[in-house]
Amino acid sequence: MFFLTLSLSLSLVGDLQSTKAYQKWAKQVSETKPPTSPLRRRDKAKKESEDLYAIISQRRNQRKEQFDSFFSSIVSKYGGGEGPSEPTEEEFEAAKKKVVSKKASGKAKRK
């Protein structure tokens, strides 16, 4: 990184004037330490990934709670908790007689 800064500095000296932003950037880059092993990750990256995992988990839990509250409000509004109750024996027998009588009257009309 230092060599890149040095080469950029040298190429800019002859053609352009250096800006404050560039000088600040060049100073930052020159102060950073080069990696000892390019394959080894920094501790900061590992910590950020753990923080990111925690943030994602927290948002997932919030969305689940929102969905649950939304779903429960829909159920309470439209009463989807219980299905229709079964008819009693008398109601069932009455409905059965009604269906049978309609079938019998339909057959009589066809003949």
PDB file of N, CA and C in Angstrom:
ATOM      1  N   MET A   1       0.821  -1.168   0.000  1.00  0.00           N
ATOM      2  CA  MET A   1       0.000   0.000   0.000  1.00  0.00           C
ATOM      3  C   MET A   1       0.876   1.245   0.000  1.00  0.00           C
ATOM      4  N   PHE A   2       1.986   1.162   0.708  1.00  0.00           N
ATOM      5  CA  PHE A   2       2.890   2.297   0.778  1.00  0.00           C
ATOM      6  C   PHE A   2       3.468   2.607  -0.594  1.00  0.00           C
ATOM      7  N   PHE A   3       3.817   1.555  -1.340  1.00  0.00           N
ATOM      8  CA  PHE A   3       4.394   1.762  -2.667  1.00  0.00           C
ATOM      9  C   PHE A   3       3.383   2.404  -3.613  1.00  0.00           C
ATOM     10  N   LEU A   4       2.130   2.012  -3.487  1.00  0.00           N
ATOM     11  CA  LEU A   4       1.072   2.606  -4.293  1.00  0.00           C
ATOM     12  C   LEU A   4       0.943   4.087  -3.979  1.00  0.00           C
ATOM     13  N   THR A   5       0.993   4.435  -2.717  1.00  0.00           N
ATOM     14  CA  THR A   5       0.901   5.830  -2.302  1.00  0.00           C
ATOM     15  C   THR A   5       2.093   6.617  -2.811  1.00  0.00           C
ATOM     16  N   LEU A   6       3.251   6.039  -2.692  1.00  0.00           N
ATOM     17  CA  LEU A   6       4.462   6.702  -3.148  1.00  0.00           C
ATOM     18  C   LEU A   6       4.427   6.929  -4.642  1.00  0.00           C
ATOM     19  N   SER A   7       3.998   5.900  -5.408  1.00  0.00           N
ATOM     20  CA  SER A   7       3.954   6.051  -6.857  1.00  0.00           C
ATOM     21  C   SER A   7       2.898   7.065  -7.270  1.00  0.00           C
ATOM     22  N   LEU A   8       1.767   7.070  -6.577  1.00  0.00           N
ATOM     23  CA  LEU A   8       0.747   8.070  -6.878  1.00  0.00           C
ATOM     24  C   LEU A   8       1.237   9.466  -6.538  1.00  0.00           C
ATOM     25  N   SER A   9       1.934   9.582  -5.430  1.00  0.00           N
ATOM     26  CA  SER A   9       2.465  10.882  -5.032  1.00  0.00           C
ATOM     27  C   SER A   9       3.446  11.396  -6.061  1.00  0.00           C
ATOM     28  N   LEU A  10       4.310  10.533  -6.525  1.00  0.00           N
ATOM     29  CA  LEU A  10       5.310  10.944  -7.509  1.00  0.00           C
ATOM     30  C   LEU A  10       4.672  11.310  -8.844  1.00  0.00           C
ATOM     31  N   SER A  11       3.634  10.561  -9.235  1.00  0.00           N
ATOM     32  CA  SER A  11       3.001  10.853 -10.515  1.00  0.00           C
ATOM     33  C   SER A  11       2.192  12.144 -10.453  1.00  0.00           C
ATOM     34  N   LEU A  12       1.691  12.495  -9.305  1.00  0.00           N
ATOM     35  CA  LEU A  12       0.880  13.695  -9.166  1.00  0.00           C
ATOM     36  C   LEU A  12       1.714  14.955  -8.939  1.00  0.00           C
ATOM     37  N   VAL A  13       2.928  14.796  -8.480  1.00  0.00           N
ATOM     38  CA  VAL A  13       3.754  15.958  -8.158  1.00  0.00           C
ATOM     39  C   VAL A  13       4.027  16.798  -9.394  1.00  0.00           C
ATOM     40  N   GLY A  14       4.331  16.160 -10.464  1.00  0.00           N
ATOM     41  CA  GLY A  14       4.680  16.910 -11.666  1.00  0.00           C
ATOM     42  C   GLY A  14       3.481  17.495 -12.374  1.00  0.00           C
ATOM     43  N   ASP A  15       2.345  16.803 -12.377  1.00  0.00           N
ATOM     44  CA  ASP A  15       1.212  17.221 -13.183  1.00  0.00           C
ATOM     45  C   ASP A  15       0.215  18.090 -12.424  1.00  0.00           C
ATOM     46  N   LEU A  16      -0.145  17.703 -11.205  1.00  0.00           N
ATOM     47  CA  LEU A  16      -1.209  18.360 -10.468  1.00  0.00           C
ATOM     48  C   LEU A  16      -0.720  18.814  -9.108  1.00  0.00           C
ATOM     49  N   GLN A  17      -1.460  19.754  -8.538  1.00  0.00           N
ATOM     50  CA  GLN A  17      -1.161  20.152  -7.178  1.00  0.00           C
ATOM     51  C   GLN A  17      -1.874  19.196  -6.220  1.00  0.00           C
ATOM     52  N   SER A  18      -1.243  18.942  -5.120  1.00  0.00           N
ATOM     53  CA  SER A  18      -1.807  18.031  -4.135  1.00  0.00           C
ATOM     54  C   SER A  18      -2.926  18.738  -3.367  1.00  0.00           C
ATOM     55  N   THR A  19      -4.019  18.007  -3.118  1.00  0.00           N
ATOM     56  CA  THR A  19      -5.134  18.581  -2.368  1.00  0.00           C
ATOM     57  C   THR A  19      -5.048  18.140  -0.913  1.00  0.00           C
ATOM     58  N   LYS A  20      -5.806  18.818  -0.073  1.00  0.00           N
ATOM     59  CA  LYS A  20      -5.815  18.458   1.353  1.00  0.00           C
ATOM     60  C   LYS A  20      -6.381  17.063   1.561  1.00  0.00           C
ATOM     61  N   ALA A  21      -7.422  16.721   0.798  1.00  0.00           N
ATOM     62  CA  ALA A  21      -8.028  15.402   0.925  1.00  0.00           C
ATOM     63  C   ALA A  21      -7.026  14.313   0.561  1.00  0.00           C
ATOM     64  N   TYR A  22      -6.242  14.564  -0.504  1.00  0.00           N
ATOM     65  CA  TYR A  22      -5.249  13.576  -0.909  1.00  0.00           C
ATOM     66  C   TYR A  22      -4.158  13.457   0.140  1.00  0.00           C
ATOM     67  N   GLN A  23      -3.730  14.574   0.682  1.00  0.00           N
ATOM     68  CA  GLN A  23      -2.681  14.534   1.703  1.00  0.00           C
ATOM     69  C   GLN A  23      -3.161  13.783   2.943  1.00  0.00           C
ATOM     70  N   LYS A  24      -4.416  14.012   3.313  1.00  0.00           N
ATOM     71  CA  LYS A  24      -4.985  13.313   4.463  1.00  0.00           C
ATOM     72  C   LYS A  24      -5.040  11.809   4.200  1.00  0.00           C
ATOM     73  N   TRP A  25      -5.482  11.434   2.992  1.00  0.00           N
ATOM     74  CA  TRP A  25      -5.562  10.018   2.616  1.00  0.00           C
ATOM     75  C   TRP A  25      -4.179   9.389   2.596  1.00  0.00           C
ATOM     76  N   ALA A  26      -3.208  10.106   2.010  1.00  0.00           N
ATOM     77  CA  ALA A  26      -1.851   9.574   1.922  1.00  0.00           C
ATOM     78  C   ALA A  26      -1.264   9.363   3.312  1.00  0.00           C
ATOM     79  N   LYS A  27      -1.569  10.280   4.226  1.00  0.00           N
ATOM     80  CA  LYS A  27      -1.073  10.143   5.595  1.00  0.00           C
ATOM     81  C   LYS A  27      -1.694   8.922   6.274  1.00  0.00           C
ATOM     82  N   GLN A  28      -3.006   8.743   6.073  1.00  0.00           N
ATOM     83  CA  GLN A  28      -3.685   7.585   6.665  1.00  0.00           C
ATOM     84  C   GLN A  28      -3.103   6.281   6.140  1.00  0.00           C
ATOM     85  N   VAL A  29      -2.885   6.211   4.851  1.00  0.00           N
ATOM     86  CA  VAL A  29      -2.387   4.985   4.242  1.00  0.00           C
ATOM     87  C   VAL A  29      -0.962   4.706   4.699  1.00  0.00           C
ATOM     88  N   SER A  30      -0.155   5.737   4.804  1.00  0.00           N
ATOM     89  CA  SER A  30       1.228   5.511   5.220  1.00  0.00           C
ATOM     90  C   SER A  30       1.324   5.090   6.687  1.00  0.00           C
ATOM     91  N   GLU A  31       0.339   5.486   7.503  1.00  0.00           N
ATOM     92  CA  GLU A  31       0.366   5.112   8.911  1.00  0.00           C
ATOM     93  C   GLU A  31      -0.159   3.707   9.171  1.00  0.00           C
ATOM     94  N   THR A  32      -0.938   3.141   8.257  1.00  0.00           N
ATOM     95  CA  THR A  32      -1.460   1.789   8.480  1.00  0.00           C
ATOM     96  C   THR A  32      -0.342   0.772   8.318  1.00  0.00           C
ATOM     97  N   LYS A  33      -0.397  -0.224   9.165  1.00  0.00           N
ATOM     98  CA  LYS A  33       0.623  -1.271   9.122  1.00  0.00           C
ATOM     99  C   LYS A  33       0.283  -2.264   8.017  1.00  0.00           C
ATOM    100  N   PRO A  34       1.282  -2.730   7.289  1.00  0.00           N
ATOM    101  CA  PRO A  34       1.015  -3.753   6.275  1.00  0.00           C
ATOM    102  C   PRO A  34       0.697  -5.079   6.955  1.00  0.00           C
ATOM    103  N   PRO A  35      -0.079  -5.924   6.321  1.00  0.00           N
ATOM    104  CA  PRO A  35      -0.424  -7.204   6.953  1.00  0.00           C
ATOM    105  C   PRO A  35       0.797  -8.110   7.050  1.00  0.00           C
ATOM    106  N   THR A  36       0.879  -8.826   8.167  1.00  0.00           N
ATOM    107  CA  THR A  36       1.998  -9.752   8.345  1.00  0.00           C
ATOM    108  C   THR A  36       1.777 -10.995   7.492  1.00  0.00           C
ATOM    109  N   SER A  37       0.534 -11.434   7.429  1.00  0.00           N
ATOM    110  CA  SER A  37       0.175 -12.569   6.593  1.00  0.00           C
ATOM    111  C   SER A  37      -1.089 -12.185   5.843  1.00  0.00           C
ATOM    112  N   PRO A  38      -1.042 -12.123   4.522  1.00  0.00           N
ATOM    113  CA  PRO A  38      -2.227 -11.680   3.775  1.00  0.00           C
ATOM    114  C   PRO A  38      -3.410 -12.644   3.882  1.00  0.00           C
ATOM    115  N   LEU A  39      -3.160 -13.900   4.267  1.00  0.00           N
ATOM    116  CA  LEU A  39      -4.238 -14.871   4.359  1.00  0.00           C
ATOM    117  C   LEU A  39      -4.946 -14.831   5.711  1.00  0.00           C
ATOM    118  N   ARG A  40      -4.304 -14.260   6.704  1.00  0.00           N
ATOM    119  CA  ARG A  40      -4.888 -14.212   8.034  1.00  0.00           C
ATOM    120  C   ARG A  40      -5.814 -13.008   8.145  1.00  0.00           C
ATOM    121  N   ARG A  41      -7.000 -13.255   8.680  1.00  0.00           N
ATOM    122  CA  ARG A  41      -7.971 -12.175   8.850  1.00  0.00           C
ATOM    123  C   ARG A  41      -7.645 -11.353  10.074  1.00  0.00           C
ATOM    124  N   ARG A  42      -8.087 -10.133  10.020  1.00  0.00           N
ATOM    125  CA  ARG A  42      -7.921  -9.278  11.186  1.00  0.00           C
ATOM    126  C   ARG A  42      -9.016  -9.581  12.191  1.00  0.00           C
ATOM    127  N   ASP A  43      -8.732  -9.296  13.456  1.00  0.00           N
ATOM    128  CA  ASP A  43      -9.714  -9.531  14.521  1.00  0.00           C
ATOM    129  C   ASP A  43     -10.943  -8.649  14.340  1.00  0.00           C
ATOM    130  N   LYS A  44     -10.744  -7.475  13.791  1.00  0.00           N
ATOM    131  CA  LYS A  44     -11.835  -6.533  13.602  1.00  0.00           C
ATOM    132  C   LYS A  44     -12.889  -7.117  12.665  1.00  0.00           C
ATOM    133  N   ALA A  45     -12.479  -7.762  11.610  1.00  0.00           N
ATOM    134  CA  ALA A  45     -13.420  -8.350  10.655  1.00  0.00           C
ATOM    135  C   ALA A  45     -14.243  -9.452  11.320  1.00  0.00           C
ATOM    136  N   LYS A  46     -13.618 -10.227  12.181  1.00  0.00           N
ATOM    137  CA  LYS A  46     -14.330 -11.297  12.875  1.00  0.00           C
ATOM    138  C   LYS A  46     -15.363 -10.713  13.830  1.00  0.00           C
ATOM    139  N   LYS A  47     -14.997  -9.669  14.523  1.00  0.00           N
ATOM    140  CA  LYS A  47     -15.905  -9.032  15.463  1.00  0.00           C
ATOM    141  C   LYS A  47     -17.089  -8.416  14.713  1.00  0.00           C
ATOM    142  N   GLU A  48     -16.833  -7.800  13.565  1.00  0.00           N
ATOM    143  CA  GLU A  48     -17.908  -7.206  12.770  1.00  0.00           C
ATOM    144  C   GLU A  48     -18.872  -8.274  12.276  1.00  0.00           C
ATOM    145  N   SER A  49     -18.339  -9.443  11.899  1.00  0.00           N
ATOM    146  CA  SER A  49     -19.223 -10.502  11.414  1.00  0.00           C
ATOM    147  C   SER A  49     -20.108 -11.035  12.545  1.00  0.00           C
ATOM    148  N   GLU A  50     -19.571 -11.108  13.758  1.00  0.00           N
ATOM    149  CA  GLU A  50     -20.387 -11.527  14.900  1.00  0.00           C
ATOM    150  C   GLU A  50     -21.470 -10.491  15.188  1.00  0.00           C
ATOM    151  N   ASP A  51     -21.091  -9.220  15.101  1.00  0.00           N
ATOM    152  CA  ASP A  51     -22.075  -8.149  15.308  1.00  0.00           C
ATOM    153  C   ASP A  51     -23.153  -8.204  14.239  1.00  0.00           C
ATOM    154  N   LEU A  52     -22.745  -8.457  13.013  1.00  0.00           N
ATOM    155  CA  LEU A  52     -23.696  -8.551  11.914  1.00  0.00           C
ATOM    156  C   LEU A  52     -24.656  -9.712  12.140  1.00  0.00           C
ATOM    157  N   TYR A  53     -24.130 -10.838  12.603  1.00  0.00           N
ATOM    158  CA  TYR A  53     -24.986 -11.990  12.906  1.00  0.00           C
ATOM    159  C   TYR A  53     -25.996 -11.637  13.996  1.00  0.00           C
ATOM    160  N   ALA A  54     -25.545 -10.918  15.000  1.00  0.00           N
ATOM    161  CA  ALA A  54     -26.450 -10.526  16.093  1.00  0.00           C
ATOM    162  C   ALA A  54     -27.529  -9.582  15.583  1.00  0.00           C
ATOM    163  N   ILE A  55     -27.163  -8.666  14.709  1.00  0.00           N
ATOM    164  CA  ILE A  55     -28.134  -7.718  14.153  1.00  0.00           C
ATOM    165  C   ILE A  55     -29.159  -8.451  13.301  1.00  0.00           C
ATOM    166  N   ILE A  56     -28.696  -9.389  12.488  1.00  0.00           N
ATOM    167  CA  ILE A  56     -29.601 -10.158  11.632  1.00  0.00           C
ATOM    168  C   ILE A  56     -30.555 -10.986  12.484  1.00  0.00           C
ATOM    169  N   SER A  57     -30.048 -11.617  13.513  1.00  0.00           N
ATOM    170  CA  SER A  57     -30.890 -12.420  14.407  1.00  0.00           C
ATOM    171  C   SER A  57     -31.936 -11.549  15.102  1.00  0.00           C
ATOM    172  N   GLN A  58     -31.517 -10.386  15.537  1.00  0.00           N
ATOM    173  CA  GLN A  58     -32.440  -9.488  16.217  1.00  0.00           C
ATOM    174  C   GLN A  58     -33.557  -9.045  15.263  1.00  0.00           C
ATOM    175  N   ARG A  59     -33.222  -8.682  14.037  1.00  0.00           N
ATOM    176  CA  ARG A  59     -34.241  -8.264  13.060  1.00  0.00           C
ATOM    177  C   ARG A  59     -35.172  -9.421  12.725  1.00  0.00           C
ATOM    178  N   ARG A  60     -34.633 -10.632  12.626  1.00  0.00           N
ATOM    179  CA  ARG A  60     -35.458 -11.801  12.337  1.00  0.00           C
ATOM    180  C   ARG A  60     -36.490 -12.007  13.449  1.00  0.00           C
ATOM    181  N   ASN A  61     -36.060 -11.857  14.704  1.00  0.00           N
ATOM    182  CA  ASN A  61     -36.977 -12.003  15.832  1.00  0.00           C
ATOM    183  C   ASN A  61     -38.045 -10.907  15.824  1.00  0.00           C
ATOM    184  N   GLN A  62     -37.648  -9.685  15.481  1.00  0.00           N
ATOM    185  CA  GLN A  62     -38.618  -8.595  15.410  1.00  0.00           C
ATOM    186  C   GLN A  62     -39.659  -8.866  14.333  1.00  0.00           C
ATOM    187  N   ARG A  63     -39.214  -9.327  13.175  1.00  0.00           N
ATOM    188  CA  ARG A  63     -40.154  -9.622  12.097  1.00  0.00           C
ATOM    189  C   ARG A  63     -41.093 -10.758  12.474  1.00  0.00           C
ATOM    190  N   LYS A  64     -40.573 -11.770  13.189  1.00  0.00           N
ATOM    191  CA  LYS A  64     -41.416 -12.880  13.622  1.00  0.00           C
ATOM    192  C   LYS A  64     -42.483 -12.382  14.581  1.00  0.00           C
ATOM    193  N   GLU A  65     -42.098 -11.524  15.517  1.00  0.00           N
ATOM    194  CA  GLU A  65     -43.066 -10.973  16.462  1.00  0.00           C
ATOM    195  C   GLU A  65     -44.114 -10.126  15.746  1.00  0.00           C
ATOM    196  N   GLN A  66     -43.685  -9.338  14.757  1.00  0.00           N
ATOM    197  CA  GLN A  66     -44.633  -8.528  13.987  1.00  0.00           C
ATOM    198  C   GLN A  66     -45.610  -9.419  13.239  1.00  0.00           C
ATOM    199  N   PHE A  67     -45.101 -10.481  12.632  1.00  0.00           N
ATOM    200  CA  PHE A  67     -45.962 -11.392  11.885  1.00  0.00           C
ATOM    201  C   PHE A  67     -46.954 -12.073  12.822  1.00  0.00           C
ATOM    202  N   ASP A  68     -46.468 -12.520  13.977  1.00  0.00           N
ATOM    203  CA  ASP A  68     -47.355 -13.182  14.938  1.00  0.00           C
ATOM    204  C   ASP A  68     -48.460 -12.246  15.405  1.00  0.00           C
ATOM    205  N   SER A  69     -48.110 -11.001  15.698  1.00  0.00           N
ATOM    206  CA  SER A  69     -49.139 -10.060  16.154  1.00  0.00           C
ATOM    207  C   SER A  69     -50.110  -9.732  15.022  1.00  0.00           C
ATOM    208  N   PHE A  70     -49.588  -9.613  13.799  1.00  0.00           N
ATOM    209  CA  PHE A  70     -50.456  -9.355  12.647  1.00  0.00           C
ATOM    210  C   PHE A  70     -51.413 -10.520  12.434  1.00  0.00           C
ATOM    211  N   PHE A  71     -50.887 -11.726  12.492  1.00  0.00           N
ATOM    212  CA  PHE A  71     -51.704 -12.921  12.281  1.00  0.00           C
ATOM    213  C   PHE A  71     -52.764 -13.053  13.373  1.00  0.00           C
ATOM    214  N   SER A  72     -52.382 -12.810  14.623  1.00  0.00           N
ATOM    215  CA  SER A  72     -53.359 -12.930  15.713  1.00  0.00           C
ATOM    216  C   SER A  72     -54.435 -11.857  15.604  1.00  0.00           C
ATOM    217  N   SER A  73     -54.072 -10.657  15.131  1.00  0.00           N
ATOM    218  CA  SER A  73     -55.101  -9.618  14.957  1.00  0.00           C
ATOM    219  C   SER A  73     -56.061  -9.995  13.837  1.00  0.00           C
ATOM    220  N   ILE A  74     -55.563 -10.626  12.778  1.00  0.00           N
ATOM    221  CA  ILE A  74     -56.438 -11.089  11.688  1.00  0.00           C
ATOM    222  C   ILE A  74     -57.384 -12.166  12.206  1.00  0.00           C
ATOM    223  N   VAL A  75     -56.865 -13.111  12.979  1.00  0.00           N
ATOM    224  CA  VAL A  75     -57.683 -14.195  13.521  1.00  0.00           C
ATOM    225  C   VAL A  75     -58.752 -13.633  14.448  1.00  0.00           C
ATOM    226  N   SER A  76     -58.368 -12.688  15.293  1.00  0.00           N
ATOM    227  CA  SER A  76     -59.368 -12.131  16.217  1.00  0.00           C
ATOM    228  C   SER A  76     -60.410 -11.305  15.475  1.00  0.00           C
ATOM    229  N   LYS A  77     -60.006 -10.646  14.405  1.00  0.00           N
ATOM    230  CA  LYS A  77     -60.945  -9.809  13.653  1.00  0.00           C
ATOM    231  C   LYS A  77     -61.948 -10.650  12.883  1.00  0.00           C
ATOM    232  N   TYR A  78     -61.479 -11.696  12.242  1.00  0.00           N
ATOM    233  CA  TYR A  78     -62.352 -12.505  11.396  1.00  0.00           C
ATOM    234  C   TYR A  78     -62.778 -13.814  12.042  1.00  0.00           C
ATOM    235  N   GLY A  79     -62.354 -14.095  13.246  1.00  0.00           N
ATOM    236  CA  GLY A  79     -62.813 -15.256  13.997  1.00  0.00           C
ATOM    237  C   GLY A  79     -62.434 -16.582  13.381  1.00  0.00           C
ATOM    238  N   GLY A  80     -61.216 -16.736  12.964  1.00  0.00           N
ATOM    239  CA  GLY A  80     -60.798 -17.980  12.336  1.00  0.00           C
ATOM    240  C   GLY A  80     -60.346 -19.032  13.322  1.00  0.00           C
ATOM    241  N   GLY A  81     -60.491 -18.794  14.604  1.00  0.00           N
ATOM    242  CA  GLY A  81     -60.000 -19.730  15.609  1.00  0.00           C
ATOM    243  C   GLY A  81     -60.748 -21.036  15.632  1.00  0.00           C
ATOM    244  N   GLU A  82     -62.062 -21.000  15.572  1.00  0.00           N
ATOM    245  CA  GLU A  82     -62.853 -22.223  15.643  1.00  0.00           C
ATOM    246  C   GLU A  82     -63.582 -22.431  14.322  1.00  0.00           C
ATOM    247  N   GLY A  83     -63.645 -23.658  13.913  1.00  0.00           N
ATOM    248  CA  GLY A  83     -64.384 -24.000  12.701  1.00  0.00           C
ATOM    249  C   GLY A  83     -65.862 -24.109  13.030  1.00  0.00           C
ATOM    250  N   PRO A  84     -66.674 -24.364  12.033  1.00  0.00           N
ATOM    251  CA  PRO A  84     -68.102 -24.519  12.308  1.00  0.00           C
ATOM    252  C   PRO A  84     -68.338 -25.745  13.185  1.00  0.00           C
ATOM    253  N   SER A  85     -69.273 -25.608  14.124  1.00  0.00           N
ATOM    254  CA  SER A  85     -69.536 -26.723  15.034  1.00  0.00           C
ATOM    255  C   SER A  85     -70.368 -27.786  14.307  1.00  0.00           C
ATOM    256  N   GLU A  86     -70.255 -29.009  14.775  1.00  0.00           N
ATOM    257  CA  GLU A  86     -71.018 -30.103  14.166  1.00  0.00           C
ATOM    258  C   GLU A  86     -72.483 -29.994  14.550  1.00  0.00           C
ATOM    259  N   PRO A  87     -73.380 -30.406  13.665  1.00  0.00           N
ATOM    260  CA  PRO A  87     -74.803 -30.341  14.003  1.00  0.00           C
ATOM    261  C   PRO A  87     -75.151 -31.415  15.043  1.00  0.00           C
ATOM    262  N   THR A  88     -76.179 -31.135  15.792  1.00  0.00           N
ATOM    263  CA  THR A  88     -76.643 -32.125  16.764  1.00  0.00           C
ATOM    264  C   THR A  88     -77.335 -33.263  16.000  1.00  0.00           C
ATOM    265  N   GLU A  89     -77.681 -34.337  16.712  1.00  0.00           N
ATOM    266  CA  GLU A  89     -78.352 -35.479  16.068  1.00  0.00           C
ATOM    267  C   GLU A  89     -79.674 -35.066  15.430  1.00  0.00           C
ATOM    268  N   GLU A  90     -80.428 -34.222  16.126  1.00  0.00           N
ATOM    269  CA  GLU A  90     -81.734 -33.800  15.600  1.00  0.00           C
ATOM    270  C   GLU A  90     -81.561 -32.971  14.327  1.00  0.00           C
ATOM    271  N   GLU A  91     -80.579 -32.058  14.338  1.00  0.00           N
ATOM    272  CA  GLU A  91     -80.335 -31.217  13.155  1.00  0.00           C
ATOM    273  C   GLU A  91     -79.870 -32.075  11.980  1.00  0.00           C
ATOM    274  N   PHE A  92     -79.028 -33.050  12.281  1.00  0.00           N
ATOM    275  CA  PHE A  92     -78.536 -33.934  11.230  1.00  0.00           C
ATOM    276  C   PHE A  92     -79.682 -34.742  10.611  1.00  0.00           C
ATOM    277  N   GLU A  93     -80.523 -35.301  11.456  1.00  0.00           N
ATOM    278  CA  GLU A  93     -81.662 -36.096  10.962  1.00  0.00           C
ATOM    279  C   GLU A  93     -82.615 -35.229  10.135  1.00  0.00           C
ATOM    280  N   ALA A  94     -82.836 -33.983  10.575  1.00  0.00           N
ATOM    281  CA  ALA A  94     -83.722 -33.087   9.841  1.00  0.00           C
ATOM    282  C   ALA A  94     -83.129 -32.767   8.467  1.00  0.00           C
ATOM    283  N   ALA A  95     -81.830 -32.519   8.408  1.00  0.00           N
ATOM    284  CA  ALA A  95     -81.184 -32.219   7.131  1.00  0.00           C
ATOM    285  C   ALA A  95     -81.221 -33.445   6.224  1.00  0.00           C
ATOM    286  N   LYS A  96     -81.038 -34.628   6.799  1.00  0.00           N
ATOM    287  CA  LYS A  96     -81.060 -35.873   6.024  1.00  0.00           C
ATOM    288  C   LYS A  96     -82.452 -36.098   5.429  1.00  0.00           C
ATOM    289  N   LYS A  97     -83.500 -35.891   6.209  1.00  0.00           N
ATOM    290  CA  LYS A  97     -84.868 -36.061   5.714  1.00  0.00           C
ATOM    291  C   LYS A  97     -85.164 -35.072   4.590  1.00  0.00           C
ATOM    292  N   LYS A  98     -84.647 -33.845   4.741  1.00  0.00           N
ATOM    293  CA  LYS A  98     -84.861 -32.811   3.730  1.00  0.00           C
ATOM    294  C   LYS A  98     -84.211 -33.211   2.410  1.00  0.00           C
ATOM    295  N   VAL A  99     -82.989 -33.715   2.456  1.00  0.00           N
ATOM    296  CA  VAL A  99     -82.270 -34.141   1.249  1.00  0.00           C
ATOM    297  C   VAL A  99     -82.973 -35.333   0.610  1.00  0.00           C
ATOM    298  N   VAL A 100     -83.398 -36.292   1.431  1.00  0.00           N
ATOM    299  CA  VAL A 100     -84.072 -37.490   0.907  1.00  0.00           C
ATOM    300  C   VAL A 100     -85.400 -37.103   0.268  1.00  0.00           C
ATOM    301  N   SER A 101     -86.140 -36.210   0.900  1.00  0.00           N
ATOM    302  CA  SER A 101     -87.437 -35.802   0.334  1.00  0.00           C
ATOM    303  C   SER A 101     -87.246 -35.054  -0.982  1.00  0.00           C
ATOM    304  N   LYS A 102     -86.176 -34.242  -1.095  1.00  0.00           N
ATOM    305  CA  LYS A 102     -85.897 -33.541  -2.362  1.00  0.00           C
ATOM    306  C   LYS A 102     -85.545 -34.532  -3.459  1.00  0.00           C
ATOM    307  N   LYS A 103     -84.785 -35.570  -3.123  1.00  0.00           N
ATOM    308  CA  LYS A 103     -84.433 -36.588  -4.111  1.00  0.00           C
ATOM    309  C   LYS A 103     -85.678 -37.332  -4.571  1.00  0.00           C
ATOM    310  N   ALA A 104     -86.539 -37.674  -3.622  1.00  0.00           N
ATOM    311  CA  ALA A 104     -87.770 -38.413  -3.949  1.00  0.00           C
ATOM    312  C   ALA A 104     -88.695 -37.551  -4.810  1.00  0.00           C
ATOM    313  N   SER A 105     -88.814 -36.297  -4.489  1.00  0.00           N
ATOM    314  CA  SER A 105     -89.687 -35.429  -5.284  1.00  0.00           C
ATOM    315  C   SER A 105     -89.075 -35.167  -6.678  1.00  0.00           C
ATOM    316  N   GLY A 106     -87.766 -35.154  -6.765  1.00  0.00           N
ATOM    317  CA  GLY A 106     -87.093 -34.975  -8.061  1.00  0.00           C
ATOM    318  C   GLY A 106     -87.295 -36.193  -8.963  1.00  0.00           C
ATOM    319  N   LYS A 107     -87.257 -37.371  -8.387  1.00  0.00           N
ATOM    320  CA  LYS A 107     -87.498 -38.607  -9.163  1.00  0.00           C
ATOM    321  C   LYS A 107     -88.927 -38.685  -9.636  1.00  0.00           C
ATOM    322  N   ALA A 108     -89.858 -38.247  -8.788  1.00  0.00           N
ATOM    323  CA  ALA A 108     -91.279 -38.303  -9.163  1.00  0.00           C
ATOM    324  C   ALA A 108     -91.553 -37.349 -10.317  1.00  0.00           C
ATOM    325  N   LYS A 109     -90.904 -36.220 -10.353  1.00  0.00           N
ATOM    326  CA  LYS A 109     -91.116 -35.254 -11.438  1.00  0.00           C
ATOM    327  C   LYS A 109     -90.532 -35.757 -12.751  1.00  0.00           C
ATOM    328  N   ARG A 110     -89.489 -36.517 -12.709  1.00  0.00           N
ATOM    329  CA  ARG A 110     -88.838 -37.014 -13.925  1.00  0.00           C
ATOM    330  C   ARG A 110     -89.712 -38.039 -14.632  1.00  0.00           C
ATOM    331  N   LYS A 111     -90.434 -38.828 -13.906  1.00  0.00           N
ATOM    332  CA  LYS A 111     -91.214 -39.917 -14.479  1.00  0.00           C
ATOM    333  C   LYS A 111     -92.383 -39.425 -15.189  1.00  0.00           C
TER     334      LYS A 111
END
